[in-house]
Amino acid sequence: MLSCITISEIKQATNLILEKIRNLKMLGKNPDLDLEDDESPELHYLINSFNLNGSDYKIPRAVFSEIIKSLETKGLIKIDHLCDRDVTSYFKNPELVYEFVADFVREDPKVNVKELMKDCVAFFRVSSSVALEREIGRFKLFEVTNKQTDDEKLSFDANESALFFKGKRIEISRNKRSDSHYLLIILFKDTHKVWSMDEIWDEWRNYDTESRDNDWHKFYNACRLINTKIATETKIKKFLTCSSTEIRINKEYL
């Protein structure tokens, strides 16, 4: 899982977690949980419900756990418990489960509570508010210095068949019926996904009704043509990484 997330995304994830910790709801000094008995300071909890870049790409459990552990190493928090299975098993009183997720339900009434409760959850106490604020400030500085302008953000406009990358507008297809056009529509459905050729074909049939067979050569060649166009405009040669079995957007450019 760690290989599926970039250093930049780890920093973004850390920033999201730090901001959330700043405004966390306290459980109190004596919560009805199977946790260590500690009189000070107040206990908090944090569920891994974070998405990166406003997408559906969730922070992997392993990354969430490592970030929480790193915050303890820096002396910002003290972990009482870090669970990576059904969190309801940590409650002595089952009636407290709803209260535990009530804030999430209020923020998003459509939230899948069962799935939420199965995710990674950290119970901890803040060791130093001053150090926490200092760390938040440090990541805010990173966010500002690395923030892309609207013109620099990666996107694909299917109506214009234009890719926006590194501040440039790159025309992909004038008639919007090329293999390159279809491939980018599919890849931008989930930019972080590693697409197998079978998955691409399942989507491909929605756009190219004339193709009857799943031919990976068609997808592979479209990938090479896209890379050639982008290299001409930006000097970047491997915007897409492709093989005979899968294609994805190079994670270095997400």
C-alpha atoms as a PDB file:
ATOM      1  CA  MET A   1       0.000   0.000   0.000  1.00  0.00           C
ATOM      2  CA  LEU A   2       2.799   2.413   0.785  1.00  0.00           C
ATOM      3  CA  SER A   3       4.019   2.244  -2.814  1.00  0.00           C
ATOM      4  CA  CYS A   4       0.669   3.593  -4.043  1.00  0.00           C
ATOM      5  CA  ILE A   5       1.088   6.992  -2.411  1.00  0.00           C
ATOM      6  CA  THR A   6       3.647   9.694  -3.181  1.00  0.00           C
ATOM      7  CA  ILE A   7       5.774  11.694  -0.732  1.00  0.00           C
ATOM      8  CA  SER A   8       3.718  14.780  -1.582  1.00  0.00           C
ATOM      9  CA  GLU A   9       0.495  12.915  -0.787  1.00  0.00           C
ATOM     10  CA  ILE A  10       1.914  11.692   2.536  1.00  0.00           C
ATOM     11  CA  LYS A  11       2.624  15.332   3.453  1.00  0.00           C
ATOM     12  CA  GLN A  12      -0.898  16.317   2.393  1.00  0.00           C
ATOM     13  CA  ALA A  13      -2.303  13.473   4.504  1.00  0.00           C
ATOM     14  CA  THR A  14      -0.228  14.549   7.509  1.00  0.00           C
ATOM     15  CA  ASN A  15      -1.487  18.115   7.134  1.00  0.00           C
ATOM     16  CA  LEU A  16      -5.123  16.909   7.004  1.00  0.00           C
ATOM     17  CA  ILE A  17      -4.625  14.811  10.134  1.00  0.00           C
ATOM     18  CA  LEU A  18      -2.920  17.648  12.034  1.00  0.00           C
ATOM     19  CA  GLU A  19      -5.737  20.065  11.176  1.00  0.00           C
ATOM     20  CA  LYS A  20      -8.327  17.538  12.318  1.00  0.00           C
ATOM     21  CA  ILE A  21      -6.515  16.908  15.597  1.00  0.00           C
ATOM     22  CA  ARG A  22      -6.607  20.652  16.337  1.00  0.00           C
ATOM     23  CA  ASN A  23     -10.421  20.611  16.467  1.00  0.00           C
ATOM     24  CA  LEU A  24     -11.152  17.109  17.705  1.00  0.00           C
ATOM     25  CA  LYS A  25     -14.026  16.296  20.028  1.00  0.00           C
ATOM     26  CA  MET A  26     -12.792  15.093  23.418  1.00  0.00           C
ATOM     27  CA  LEU A  27     -14.037  11.783  24.797  1.00  0.00           C
ATOM     28  CA  GLY A  28     -13.341  12.813  28.379  1.00  0.00           C
ATOM     29  CA  LYS A  29     -10.885  11.585  30.989  1.00  0.00           C
ATOM     30  CA  ASN A  30     -12.775   8.382  31.779  1.00  0.00           C
ATOM     31  CA  PRO A  31     -14.414   7.134  28.572  1.00  0.00           C
ATOM     32  CA  ASP A  32     -16.233   3.812  28.610  1.00  0.00           C
ATOM     33  CA  LEU A  33     -13.545   2.125  26.503  1.00  0.00           C
ATOM     34  CA  ASP A  34     -11.080  -0.697  27.006  1.00  0.00           C
ATOM     35  CA  LEU A  35      -8.138   1.713  27.094  1.00  0.00           C
ATOM     36  CA  GLU A  36      -5.383   2.565  29.516  1.00  0.00           C
ATOM     37  CA  ASP A  37      -6.542   4.465  32.613  1.00  0.00           C
ATOM     38  CA  ASP A  38      -4.924   7.880  32.464  1.00  0.00           C
ATOM     39  CA  GLU A  39      -6.027  10.932  34.449  1.00  0.00           C
ATOM     40  CA  SER A  40      -4.518  13.445  32.048  1.00  0.00           C
ATOM     41  CA  PRO A  41      -4.878  14.945  29.568  1.00  0.00           C
ATOM     42  CA  GLU A  42      -8.189  14.579  27.678  1.00  0.00           C
ATOM     43  CA  LEU A  43      -8.631  11.568  25.359  1.00  0.00           C
ATOM     44  CA  HIS A  44      -9.372  12.079  21.658  1.00  0.00           C
ATOM     45  CA  TYR A  45     -10.222   9.783  18.777  1.00  0.00           C
ATOM     46  CA  LEU A  46      -9.602  10.050  15.053  1.00  0.00           C
ATOM     47  CA  ILE A  47     -11.064   7.860  12.291  1.00  0.00           C
ATOM     48  CA  ASN A  48      -9.285   7.498   8.969  1.00  0.00           C
ATOM     49  CA  SER A  49     -11.994   9.171   6.880  1.00  0.00           C
ATOM     50  CA  PHE A  50      -9.684  11.385   4.832  1.00  0.00           C
ATOM     51  CA  ASN A  51      -9.678  11.775   1.057  1.00  0.00           C
ATOM     52  CA  LEU A  52      -6.803  13.389  -0.800  1.00  0.00           C
ATOM     53  CA  ASN A  53      -7.265  16.306  -3.200  1.00  0.00           C
ATOM     54  CA  GLY A  54     -11.036  16.234  -2.764  1.00  0.00           C
ATOM     55  CA  SER A  55     -11.193  12.864  -4.548  1.00  0.00           C
ATOM     56  CA  ASP A  56     -12.411   9.412  -3.523  1.00  0.00           C
ATOM     57  CA  TYR A  57      -8.810   8.308  -3.095  1.00  0.00           C
ATOM     58  CA  LYS A  58      -8.578   7.395   0.563  1.00  0.00           C
ATOM     59  CA  ILE A  59      -5.447   7.485   2.684  1.00  0.00           C
ATOM     60  CA  PRO A  60      -4.314   3.834   2.979  1.00  0.00           C
ATOM     61  CA  ARG A  61      -4.612   2.334   6.477  1.00  0.00           C
ATOM     62  CA  ALA A  62      -0.894   1.652   6.688  1.00  0.00           C
ATOM     63  CA  VAL A  63      -0.092   5.293   5.857  1.00  0.00           C
ATOM     64  CA  PHE A  64      -2.641   6.599   8.378  1.00  0.00           C
ATOM     65  CA  SER A  65      -1.129   4.375  11.096  1.00  0.00           C
ATOM     66  CA  GLU A  66       2.438   5.436  10.304  1.00  0.00           C
ATOM     67  CA  ILE A  67       1.513   9.139  10.371  1.00  0.00           C
ATOM     68  CA  ILE A  68      -0.141   8.745  13.787  1.00  0.00           C
ATOM     69  CA  LYS A  69       2.930   6.897  15.097  1.00  0.00           C
ATOM     70  CA  SER A  70       5.241   9.595  13.716  1.00  0.00           C
ATOM     71  CA  LEU A  71       3.278  12.280  15.593  1.00  0.00           C
ATOM     72  CA  GLU A  72       3.837  10.349  18.816  1.00  0.00           C
ATOM     73  CA  THR A  73       7.564  10.032  18.028  1.00  0.00           C
ATOM     74  CA  LYS A  74       7.719  13.830  17.653  1.00  0.00           C
ATOM     75  CA  GLY A  75       6.153  14.228  21.090  1.00  0.00           C
ATOM     76  CA  LEU A  76       2.918  15.772  19.804  1.00  0.00           C
ATOM     77  CA  ILE A  77       0.542  13.059  21.012  1.00  0.00           C
ATOM     78  CA  LYS A  78       0.482   9.963  23.228  1.00  0.00           C
ATOM     79  CA  ILE A  79      -1.284   6.983  21.664  1.00  0.00           C
ATOM     80  CA  ASP A  80      -3.652   5.064  23.940  1.00  0.00           C
ATOM     81  CA  HIS A  81      -4.723   2.648  21.237  1.00  0.00           C
ATOM     82  CA  LEU A  82      -4.374   2.326  17.474  1.00  0.00           C
ATOM     83  CA  CYS A  83      -6.865  -0.201  16.117  1.00  0.00           C
ATOM     84  CA  ASP A  84      -7.100  -1.388  12.536  1.00  0.00           C
ATOM     85  CA  ARG A  85     -10.221  -3.525  12.797  1.00  0.00           C
ATOM     86  CA  ASP A  86     -13.863  -3.108  13.855  1.00  0.00           C
ATOM     87  CA  VAL A  87     -13.645  -0.309  16.422  1.00  0.00           C
ATOM     88  CA  THR A  88     -16.913  -1.345  18.105  1.00  0.00           C
ATOM     89  CA  SER A  89     -15.021  -4.202  19.770  1.00  0.00           C
ATOM     90  CA  TYR A  90     -13.230  -1.592  21.914  1.00  0.00           C
ATOM     91  CA  PHE A  91     -16.453  -0.318  23.486  1.00  0.00           C
ATOM     92  CA  LYS A  92     -17.585  -1.815  26.785  1.00  0.00           C
ATOM     93  CA  ASN A  93     -21.040  -0.327  26.286  1.00  0.00           C
ATOM     94  CA  PRO A  94     -22.474  -0.989  22.762  1.00  0.00           C
ATOM     95  CA  GLU A  95     -24.904   1.921  23.195  1.00  0.00           C
ATOM     96  CA  LEU A  96     -21.975   4.324  22.939  1.00  0.00           C
ATOM     97  CA  VAL A  97     -21.256   3.308  19.338  1.00  0.00           C
ATOM     98  CA  TYR A  98     -23.823   5.732  17.891  1.00  0.00           C
ATOM     99  CA  GLU A  99     -22.514   8.578  20.042  1.00  0.00           C
ATOM    100  CA  PHE A 100     -19.025   7.773  18.785  1.00  0.00           C
ATOM    101  CA  VAL A 101     -19.978   8.253  15.109  1.00  0.00           C
ATOM    102  CA  ALA A 102     -22.662  10.926  15.649  1.00  0.00           C
ATOM    103  CA  ASP A 103     -20.384  13.732  14.468  1.00  0.00           C
ATOM    104  CA  PHE A 104     -19.704  11.931  11.203  1.00  0.00           C
ATOM    105  CA  VAL A 105     -23.412  11.291  10.655  1.00  0.00           C
ATOM    106  CA  ARG A 106     -24.212  14.969  11.248  1.00  0.00           C
ATOM    107  CA  GLU A 107     -21.563  16.070   8.747  1.00  0.00           C
ATOM    108  CA  ASP A 108     -22.685  13.549   6.130  1.00  0.00           C
ATOM    109  CA  PRO A 109     -26.073  11.835   6.667  1.00  0.00           C
ATOM    110  CA  LYS A 110     -25.246   9.450   3.792  1.00  0.00           C
ATOM    111  CA  VAL A 111     -22.075   8.165   5.438  1.00  0.00           C
ATOM    112  CA  ASN A 112     -21.744   4.377   5.517  1.00  0.00           C
ATOM    113  CA  VAL A 113     -21.453   3.863   9.275  1.00  0.00           C
ATOM    114  CA  LYS A 114     -20.644   0.159   8.998  1.00  0.00           C
ATOM    115  CA  GLU A 115     -17.713   0.826   6.665  1.00  0.00           C
ATOM    116  CA  LEU A 116     -16.586   3.779   8.780  1.00  0.00           C
ATOM    117  CA  MET A 117     -16.428   1.671  11.906  1.00  0.00           C
ATOM    118  CA  LYS A 118     -14.280  -0.935  10.174  1.00  0.00           C
ATOM    119  CA  ASP A 119     -11.551   1.534   9.330  1.00  0.00           C
ATOM    120  CA  CYS A 120      -8.404   2.449  11.247  1.00  0.00           C
ATOM    121  CA  VAL A 121      -9.057   4.479  14.424  1.00  0.00           C
ATOM    122  CA  ALA A 122      -6.584   6.162  16.762  1.00  0.00           C
ATOM    123  CA  PHE A 123      -7.284   6.962  20.427  1.00  0.00           C
ATOM    124  CA  PHE A 124      -4.750   9.383  21.839  1.00  0.00           C
ATOM    125  CA  ARG A 125      -4.016  12.391  24.053  1.00  0.00           C
ATOM    126  CA  VAL A 126      -2.355  15.617  22.940  1.00  0.00           C
ATOM    127  CA  SER A 127       1.026  15.906  24.648  1.00  0.00           C
ATOM    128  CA  SER A 128       1.871  19.474  23.664  1.00  0.00           C
ATOM    129  CA  SER A 129      -0.553  21.991  22.156  1.00  0.00           C
ATOM    130  CA  VAL A 130       2.333  24.366  21.465  1.00  0.00           C
ATOM    131  CA  ALA A 131       4.302  21.723  19.567  1.00  0.00           C
ATOM    132  CA  LEU A 132       1.135  20.724  17.704  1.00  0.00           C
ATOM    133  CA  GLU A 133       0.525  24.291  16.517  1.00  0.00           C
ATOM    134  CA  ARG A 134       4.170  24.595  15.487  1.00  0.00           C
ATOM    135  CA  GLU A 135       3.889  21.416  13.395  1.00  0.00           C
ATOM    136  CA  ILE A 136       0.654  22.634  11.792  1.00  0.00           C
ATOM    137  CA  GLY A 137       2.415  25.875  10.869  1.00  0.00           C
ATOM    138  CA  ARG A 138       5.262  23.939   9.291  1.00  0.00           C
ATOM    139  CA  PHE A 139       2.906  21.944   7.087  1.00  0.00           C
ATOM    140  CA  LYS A 140       0.932  25.060   6.211  1.00  0.00           C
ATOM    141  CA  LEU A 141       4.162  26.511   4.859  1.00  0.00           C
ATOM    142  CA  PHE A 142       4.670  23.359   2.784  1.00  0.00           C
ATOM    143  CA  GLU A 143       1.111  23.642   1.482  1.00  0.00           C
ATOM    144  CA  VAL A 144       1.572  27.259   0.416  1.00  0.00           C
ATOM    145  CA  THR A 145       4.938  26.741  -1.267  1.00  0.00           C
ATOM    146  CA  ASN A 146       3.707  23.661  -3.149  1.00  0.00           C
ATOM    147  CA  LYS A 147       0.185  24.746  -4.018  1.00  0.00           C
ATOM    148  CA  GLN A 148      -0.605  24.612  -7.697  1.00  0.00           C
ATOM    149  CA  THR A 149      -2.382  27.475  -9.418  1.00  0.00           C
ATOM    150  CA  ASP A 150      -5.646  26.682 -11.200  1.00  0.00           C
ATOM    151  CA  ASP A 151      -3.824  26.810 -14.527  1.00  0.00           C
ATOM    152  CA  GLU A 152      -1.306  24.217 -13.350  1.00  0.00           C
ATOM    153  CA  LYS A 153      -3.753  21.637 -12.057  1.00  0.00           C
ATOM    154  CA  LEU A 154      -3.956  18.385 -13.969  1.00  0.00           C
ATOM    155  CA  SER A 155      -7.309  17.842 -15.686  1.00  0.00           C
ATOM    156  CA  PHE A 156      -8.882  16.539 -18.871  1.00  0.00           C
ATOM    157  CA  ASP A 157     -11.752  18.366 -20.578  1.00  0.00           C
ATOM    158  CA  ALA A 158     -13.601  15.701 -22.567  1.00  0.00           C
ATOM    159  CA  ASN A 159     -15.811  18.288 -24.295  1.00  0.00           C
ATOM    160  CA  GLU A 160     -12.747  19.973 -25.767  1.00  0.00           C
ATOM    161  CA  SER A 161     -10.589  16.830 -25.781  1.00  0.00           C
ATOM    162  CA  ALA A 162      -7.900  18.892 -24.101  1.00  0.00           C
ATOM    163  CA  LEU A 163      -5.459  17.882 -21.399  1.00  0.00           C
ATOM    164  CA  PHE A 164      -4.346  20.602 -18.983  1.00  0.00           C
ATOM    165  CA  PHE A 165      -0.939  19.756 -17.590  1.00  0.00           C
ATOM    166  CA  LYS A 166       2.001  21.837 -16.328  1.00  0.00           C
ATOM    167  CA  GLY A 167       0.227  25.064 -17.260  1.00  0.00           C
ATOM    168  CA  LYS A 168      -0.310  23.961 -20.864  1.00  0.00           C
ATOM    169  CA  ARG A 169      -3.372  23.074 -22.893  1.00  0.00           C
ATOM    170  CA  ILE A 170      -2.651  19.975 -24.975  1.00  0.00           C
ATOM    171  CA  GLU A 171      -5.166  19.077 -27.664  1.00  0.00           C
ATOM    172  CA  ILE A 172      -5.738  15.325 -27.815  1.00  0.00           C
ATOM    173  CA  SER A 173      -8.341  14.836 -30.544  1.00  0.00           C
ATOM    174  CA  ARG A 174     -10.103  17.297 -32.850  1.00  0.00           C
ATOM    175  CA  ASN A 175     -13.057  15.017 -33.599  1.00  0.00           C
ATOM    176  CA  LYS A 176     -13.189  13.529 -30.074  1.00  0.00           C
ATOM    177  CA  ARG A 177     -13.349  10.020 -31.538  1.00  0.00           C
ATOM    178  CA  SER A 178      -9.751   8.896 -31.287  1.00  0.00           C
ATOM    179  CA  ASP A 179      -8.404   6.072 -29.138  1.00  0.00           C
ATOM    180  CA  SER A 180      -6.326   8.614 -27.201  1.00  0.00           C
ATOM    181  CA  HIS A 181      -9.477  10.597 -26.387  1.00  0.00           C
ATOM    182  CA  TYR A 182     -11.323   7.522 -25.125  1.00  0.00           C
ATOM    183  CA  LEU A 183      -8.365   6.365 -23.050  1.00  0.00           C
ATOM    184  CA  LEU A 184      -8.018   9.679 -21.205  1.00  0.00           C
ATOM    185  CA  ILE A 185     -11.732   9.820 -20.452  1.00  0.00           C
ATOM    186  CA  ILE A 186     -11.374   6.440 -18.759  1.00  0.00           C
ATOM    187  CA  LEU A 187      -8.142   7.166 -16.898  1.00  0.00           C
ATOM    188  CA  PHE A 188      -9.526  10.429 -15.496  1.00  0.00           C
ATOM    189  CA  LYS A 189     -12.456   8.583 -13.926  1.00  0.00           C
ATOM    190  CA  ASP A 190      -9.935   7.659 -11.226  1.00  0.00           C
ATOM    191  CA  THR A 191      -6.541   9.262 -11.717  1.00  0.00           C
ATOM    192  CA  HIS A 192      -4.893   7.229  -8.940  1.00  0.00           C
ATOM    193  CA  LYS A 193      -6.101   3.890 -10.204  1.00  0.00           C
ATOM    194  CA  VAL A 194      -3.897   1.316 -11.920  1.00  0.00           C
ATOM    195  CA  TRP A 195      -6.189   0.215 -14.758  1.00  0.00           C
ATOM    196  CA  SER A 196      -5.986  -3.345 -16.054  1.00  0.00           C
ATOM    197  CA  MET A 197      -6.638  -3.871 -19.751  1.00  0.00           C
ATOM    198  CA  ASP A 198      -9.868  -5.717 -18.927  1.00  0.00           C
ATOM    199  CA  GLU A 199     -11.099  -2.779 -16.826  1.00  0.00           C
ATOM    200  CA  ILE A 200     -10.260  -0.363 -19.624  1.00  0.00           C
ATOM    201  CA  TRP A 201     -12.167  -2.523 -22.097  1.00  0.00           C
ATOM    202  CA  ASP A 202     -15.243  -2.609 -19.854  1.00  0.00           C
ATOM    203  CA  GLU A 203     -15.311   1.199 -19.956  1.00  0.00           C
ATOM    204  CA  TRP A 204     -14.142   1.475 -23.567  1.00  0.00           C
ATOM    205  CA  ARG A 205     -17.278  -0.136 -24.966  1.00  0.00           C
ATOM    206  CA  ASN A 206     -19.327   2.798 -23.661  1.00  0.00           C
ATOM    207  CA  TYR A 207     -17.510   5.173 -26.024  1.00  0.00           C
ATOM    208  CA  ASP A 208     -16.226   3.113 -28.946  1.00  0.00           C
ATOM    209  CA  THR A 209     -19.236   1.108 -30.081  1.00  0.00           C
ATOM    210  CA  GLU A 210     -17.510  -0.090 -33.241  1.00  0.00           C
ATOM    211  CA  SER A 211     -14.840  -2.109 -31.426  1.00  0.00           C
ATOM    212  CA  ARG A 212     -15.873  -5.698 -30.857  1.00  0.00           C
ATOM    213  CA  ASP A 213     -12.808  -7.261 -29.309  1.00  0.00           C
ATOM    214  CA  ASN A 214     -10.690  -6.506 -26.261  1.00  0.00           C
ATOM    215  CA  ASP A 215      -7.426  -5.625 -28.000  1.00  0.00           C
ATOM    216  CA  TRP A 216      -4.767  -4.430 -25.560  1.00  0.00           C
ATOM    217  CA  HIS A 217      -2.628  -3.253 -28.494  1.00  0.00           C
ATOM    218  CA  LYS A 218      -5.218  -0.531 -29.167  1.00  0.00           C
ATOM    219  CA  PHE A 219      -4.952   0.789 -25.606  1.00  0.00           C
ATOM    220  CA  TYR A 220      -1.160   0.465 -25.526  1.00  0.00           C
ATOM    221  CA  ASN A 221      -0.751   2.396 -28.783  1.00  0.00           C
ATOM    222  CA  ALA A 222      -3.113   5.119 -27.542  1.00  0.00           C
ATOM    223  CA  CYS A 223      -0.962   5.399 -24.418  1.00  0.00           C
ATOM    224  CA  ARG A 224       2.185   5.862 -26.519  1.00  0.00           C
ATOM    225  CA  LEU A 225       0.527   8.510 -28.709  1.00  0.00           C
ATOM    226  CA  ILE A 226      -0.578  10.482 -25.643  1.00  0.00           C
ATOM    227  CA  ASN A 227       2.933  10.335 -24.188  1.00  0.00           C
ATOM    228  CA  THR A 228       4.384  11.550 -27.492  1.00  0.00           C
ATOM    229  CA  LYS A 229       2.036  14.566 -27.598  1.00  0.00           C
ATOM    230  CA  ILE A 230       2.780  15.479 -23.999  1.00  0.00           C
ATOM    231  CA  ALA A 231       6.533  15.076 -24.505  1.00  0.00           C
ATOM    232  CA  THR A 232       6.377  17.479 -27.452  1.00  0.00           C
ATOM    233  CA  GLU A 233       4.699  20.132 -25.302  1.00  0.00           C
ATOM    234  CA  THR A 234       6.391  19.611 -21.933  1.00  0.00           C
ATOM    235  CA  LYS A 235       9.517  17.437 -22.504  1.00  0.00           C
ATOM    236  CA  ILE A 236       7.981  14.914 -20.065  1.00  0.00           C
ATOM    237  CA  LYS A 237       8.197  11.524 -21.746  1.00  0.00           C
ATOM    238  CA  LYS A 238       6.280   9.242 -19.397  1.00  0.00           C
ATOM    239  CA  PHE A 239       3.067  10.955 -18.367  1.00  0.00           C
ATOM    240  CA  LEU A 240       1.381   7.562 -18.667  1.00  0.00           C
ATOM    241  CA  THR A 241       3.006   4.300 -17.677  1.00  0.00           C
ATOM    242  CA  CYS A 242       1.804   1.332 -19.669  1.00  0.00           C
ATOM    243  CA  SER A 243       2.466  -2.335 -20.255  1.00  0.00           C
ATOM    244  CA  SER A 244       0.650  -5.183 -21.971  1.00  0.00           C
ATOM    245  CA  THR A 245      -1.466  -5.680 -18.832  1.00  0.00           C
ATOM    246  CA  GLU A 246      -2.107  -2.243 -17.268  1.00  0.00           C
ATOM    247  CA  ILE A 247      -2.039   1.534 -17.722  1.00  0.00           C
ATOM    248  CA  ARG A 248      -1.984   4.368 -15.206  1.00  0.00           C
ATOM    249  CA  ILE A 249      -1.192   8.067 -14.925  1.00  0.00           C
ATOM    250  CA  ASN A 250       2.350   8.388 -13.619  1.00  0.00           C
ATOM    251  CA  LYS A 251       1.929   9.074  -9.891  1.00  0.00           C
ATOM    252  CA  GLU A 252       4.766  11.627 -10.008  1.00  0.00           C
ATOM    253  CA  TYR A 253       2.408  14.034 -11.794  1.00  0.00           C
ATOM    254  CA  LEU A 254      -0.678  13.655  -9.593  1.00  0.00           C
END
